[in-house]
Amino acid sequence: MIEEMVEVACYAGGRYPERPQRVTWRGEEHEVESVESEWQEPRRRCFLVRLKGERFLQLYYYERPDRWTAVEVGGE
């Protein structure tokens, strides 16, 4: 499982990040259709998202050094 660097546009109401909305991954922008789950791990905030087109990514936000990574995963 190799994490790839990505850019993520998020909704941030009371905290950042709150809900991913768009992901620039492998040079293309993708709309997030839904956030399937989210959880906190030591050093990072995690999201399982469904992109339009039935692809799934696990997104990881590292507060320090303020970066996002992603891993493509199979559908549920």
N, C-alpha and C. Protein backbone atom coordinates (compact mmCIF):
# COMPACT_ATOMS: atom_id res chain seq x y z
N MET A 1 0.85 -1.17 0.00
CA MET A 1 0.00 0.00 0.00
C MET A 1 0.89 1.24 0.00
N ILE A 2 0.94 1.92 -1.13
CA ILE A 2 1.80 3.10 -1.28
C ILE A 2 0.93 4.35 -1.26
N GLU A 3 1.26 5.27 -0.37
CA GLU A 3 0.54 6.53 -0.29
C GLU A 3 1.08 7.48 -1.35
N GLU A 4 0.15 8.10 -2.10
CA GLU A 4 0.51 9.07 -3.13
C GLU A 4 0.14 10.47 -2.64
N MET A 5 0.96 11.45 -2.96
CA MET A 5 0.66 12.83 -2.62
C MET A 5 -0.54 13.30 -3.45
N VAL A 6 -1.47 14.00 -2.81
CA VAL A 6 -2.66 14.54 -3.48
C VAL A 6 -2.94 15.93 -2.93
N GLU A 7 -3.79 16.67 -3.67
CA GLU A 7 -4.33 17.93 -3.19
C GLU A 7 -5.80 17.71 -2.91
N VAL A 8 -6.30 18.25 -1.80
CA VAL A 8 -7.69 18.03 -1.40
C VAL A 8 -8.33 19.37 -1.08
N ALA A 9 -9.52 19.60 -1.64
CA ALA A 9 -10.34 20.75 -1.27
C ALA A 9 -11.37 20.23 -0.28
N CYS A 10 -11.45 20.89 0.87
CA CYS A 10 -12.30 20.42 1.97
C CYS A 10 -13.26 21.49 2.43
N TYR A 11 -14.41 21.04 2.91
CA TYR A 11 -15.27 21.90 3.71
C TYR A 11 -14.66 21.92 5.10
N ALA A 12 -14.56 23.09 5.68
CA ALA A 12 -14.02 23.20 7.04
C ALA A 12 -14.92 24.13 7.84
N GLY A 13 -15.81 23.55 8.60
CA GLY A 13 -16.72 24.33 9.43
C GLY A 13 -16.05 24.69 10.74
N GLY A 14 -16.18 23.80 11.72
CA GLY A 14 -15.61 24.04 13.04
C GLY A 14 -14.17 23.61 13.17
N ARG A 15 -13.67 22.83 12.21
CA ARG A 15 -12.28 22.34 12.27
C ARG A 15 -11.83 21.99 10.86
N TYR A 16 -10.54 21.84 10.68
CA TYR A 16 -9.99 21.42 9.39
C TYR A 16 -9.23 20.13 9.61
N PRO A 17 -9.38 19.17 8.76
CA PRO A 17 -10.35 19.05 7.67
C PRO A 17 -11.66 18.45 8.18
N GLU A 18 -12.76 18.87 7.61
CA GLU A 18 -14.03 18.33 8.06
C GLU A 18 -14.66 17.38 7.04
N ARG A 19 -14.70 17.80 5.77
CA ARG A 19 -15.31 16.93 4.76
C ARG A 19 -14.65 17.17 3.39
N PRO A 20 -13.89 16.20 2.88
CA PRO A 20 -13.28 16.35 1.55
C PRO A 20 -14.36 16.51 0.47
N GLN A 21 -14.12 17.43 -0.48
CA GLN A 21 -15.07 17.67 -1.56
C GLN A 21 -14.49 17.36 -2.93
N ARG A 22 -13.20 17.66 -3.13
CA ARG A 22 -12.53 17.39 -4.40
C ARG A 22 -11.12 16.92 -4.13
N VAL A 23 -10.62 16.05 -5.02
CA VAL A 23 -9.27 15.52 -4.88
C VAL A 23 -8.56 15.65 -6.22
N THR A 24 -7.36 16.22 -6.22
CA THR A 24 -6.52 16.20 -7.41
C THR A 24 -5.55 15.04 -7.21
N TRP A 25 -5.75 14.00 -8.04
CA TRP A 25 -5.04 12.74 -7.89
C TRP A 25 -4.56 12.29 -9.26
N ARG A 26 -3.28 12.00 -9.36
CA ARG A 26 -2.66 11.57 -10.61
C ARG A 26 -2.92 12.57 -11.74
N GLY A 27 -2.87 13.86 -11.37
CA GLY A 27 -3.00 14.94 -12.34
C GLY A 27 -4.41 15.28 -12.77
N GLU A 28 -5.42 14.64 -12.20
CA GLU A 28 -6.81 14.91 -12.57
C GLU A 28 -7.63 15.26 -11.34
N GLU A 29 -8.59 16.19 -11.52
CA GLU A 29 -9.47 16.56 -10.42
C GLU A 29 -10.68 15.64 -10.40
N HIS A 30 -11.03 15.16 -9.20
CA HIS A 30 -12.15 14.24 -9.02
C HIS A 30 -13.09 14.79 -7.96
N GLU A 31 -14.40 14.71 -8.23
CA GLU A 31 -15.41 15.09 -7.23
C GLU A 31 -15.57 13.96 -6.23
N VAL A 32 -15.69 14.30 -4.97
CA VAL A 32 -16.00 13.31 -3.94
C VAL A 32 -17.52 13.15 -3.91
N GLU A 33 -17.99 11.96 -4.23
CA GLU A 33 -19.42 11.68 -4.22
C GLU A 33 -19.94 11.51 -2.80
N SER A 34 -19.16 10.80 -1.96
CA SER A 34 -19.57 10.61 -0.57
C SER A 34 -18.36 10.27 0.29
N VAL A 35 -18.50 10.61 1.57
CA VAL A 35 -17.52 10.19 2.57
C VAL A 35 -18.12 8.96 3.24
N GLU A 36 -17.52 7.81 3.00
CA GLU A 36 -18.04 6.54 3.51
C GLU A 36 -17.75 6.35 4.99
N SER A 37 -16.57 6.79 5.43
CA SER A 37 -16.23 6.73 6.86
C SER A 37 -15.06 7.67 7.13
N GLU A 38 -14.89 7.98 8.39
CA GLU A 38 -13.76 8.81 8.82
C GLU A 38 -13.32 8.36 10.20
N TRP A 39 -12.04 8.51 10.48
CA TRP A 39 -11.49 8.10 11.76
C TRP A 39 -10.19 8.84 12.02
N GLN A 40 -9.76 8.79 13.26
CA GLN A 40 -8.53 9.44 13.68
C GLN A 40 -7.51 8.37 14.03
N GLU A 41 -6.29 8.54 13.56
CA GLU A 41 -5.16 7.69 13.92
C GLU A 41 -4.08 8.58 14.51
N PRO A 42 -3.12 8.01 15.20
CA PRO A 42 -2.02 8.85 15.69
C PRO A 42 -1.36 9.58 14.51
N ARG A 43 -1.24 10.88 14.62
CA ARG A 43 -0.56 11.74 13.63
C ARG A 43 -1.35 12.03 12.37
N ARG A 44 -2.55 11.42 12.17
CA ARG A 44 -3.27 11.72 10.93
C ARG A 44 -4.78 11.51 11.07
N ARG A 45 -5.52 12.25 10.25
CA ARG A 45 -6.97 12.11 10.16
C ARG A 45 -7.25 11.37 8.86
N CYS A 46 -8.18 10.42 8.88
CA CYS A 46 -8.39 9.51 7.75
C CYS A 46 -9.83 9.56 7.26
N PHE A 47 -9.99 9.42 5.94
CA PHE A 47 -11.30 9.41 5.31
C PHE A 47 -11.32 8.33 4.24
N LEU A 48 -12.40 7.57 4.18
CA LEU A 48 -12.65 6.69 3.05
C LEU A 48 -13.69 7.40 2.20
N VAL A 49 -13.33 7.74 0.96
CA VAL A 49 -14.25 8.49 0.09
C VAL A 49 -14.54 7.72 -1.18
N ARG A 50 -15.76 7.95 -1.68
CA ARG A 50 -16.16 7.41 -2.98
C ARG A 50 -16.10 8.56 -3.98
N LEU A 51 -15.33 8.37 -5.04
CA LEU A 51 -15.26 9.37 -6.10
C LEU A 51 -16.35 9.09 -7.11
N LYS A 52 -16.75 10.10 -7.87
CA LYS A 52 -17.68 9.86 -8.97
C LYS A 52 -17.01 8.87 -9.90
N GLY A 53 -17.75 7.89 -10.37
CA GLY A 53 -17.17 6.85 -11.21
C GLY A 53 -16.85 5.59 -10.44
N GLU A 54 -17.31 5.50 -9.20
CA GLU A 54 -17.20 4.27 -8.39
C GLU A 54 -15.78 3.89 -7.98
N ARG A 55 -14.88 4.85 -7.89
CA ARG A 55 -13.55 4.58 -7.35
C ARG A 55 -13.53 5.00 -5.89
N PHE A 56 -12.73 4.30 -5.10
CA PHE A 56 -12.61 4.60 -3.68
C PHE A 56 -11.17 4.96 -3.35
N LEU A 57 -11.02 5.99 -2.52
CA LEU A 57 -9.70 6.38 -2.02
C LEU A 57 -9.75 6.48 -0.51
N GLN A 58 -8.67 6.08 0.13
CA GLN A 58 -8.46 6.42 1.53
C GLN A 58 -7.58 7.65 1.52
N LEU A 59 -8.07 8.73 2.13
CA LEU A 59 -7.32 9.98 2.22
C LEU A 59 -6.77 10.12 3.63
N TYR A 60 -5.54 10.58 3.70
CA TYR A 60 -4.88 10.78 4.99
C TYR A 60 -4.39 12.22 5.07
N TYR A 61 -4.81 12.92 6.12
CA TYR A 61 -4.35 14.28 6.34
C TYR A 61 -3.38 14.29 7.52
N TYR A 62 -2.16 14.73 7.24
CA TYR A 62 -1.12 14.87 8.27
C TYR A 62 -1.04 16.36 8.64
N GLU A 63 -1.45 16.68 9.88
CA GLU A 63 -1.45 18.08 10.31
C GLU A 63 -0.04 18.66 10.25
N ARG A 64 0.92 17.86 10.65
CA ARG A 64 2.32 18.27 10.50
C ARG A 64 2.98 17.24 9.64
N PRO A 65 3.31 17.55 8.43
CA PRO A 65 3.64 18.84 7.84
C PRO A 65 2.55 19.43 6.94
N ASP A 66 1.27 19.34 7.29
CA ASP A 66 0.16 19.89 6.51
C ASP A 66 0.17 19.34 5.08
N ARG A 67 -0.08 18.03 4.97
CA ARG A 67 -0.10 17.41 3.65
C ARG A 67 -1.14 16.30 3.60
N TRP A 68 -1.57 16.00 2.39
CA TRP A 68 -2.54 14.94 2.12
C TRP A 68 -1.88 13.84 1.31
N THR A 69 -2.25 12.61 1.60
CA THR A 69 -1.86 11.48 0.77
C THR A 69 -3.10 10.62 0.53
N ALA A 70 -3.00 9.72 -0.45
CA ALA A 70 -4.14 8.86 -0.79
C ALA A 70 -3.66 7.48 -1.19
N VAL A 71 -4.54 6.50 -0.97
CA VAL A 71 -4.33 5.13 -1.42
C VAL A 71 -5.63 4.69 -2.06
N GLU A 72 -5.55 4.15 -3.28
CA GLU A 72 -6.75 3.62 -3.93
C GLU A 72 -7.09 2.28 -3.30
N VAL A 73 -8.37 2.07 -3.00
CA VAL A 73 -8.83 0.82 -2.39
C VAL A 73 -10.01 0.29 -3.18
N GLY A 74 -10.31 -1.01 -3.01
CA GLY A 74 -11.45 -1.61 -3.69
C GLY A 74 -12.76 -1.16 -3.08
N GLY A 75 -13.84 -1.30 -3.84
CA GLY A 75 -15.17 -0.92 -3.35
C GLY A 75 -15.65 -1.87 -2.28
N GLU A 76 -16.60 -1.41 -1.51
CA GLU A 76 -17.14 -2.21 -0.41
C GLU A 76 -18.32 -3.03 -0.91
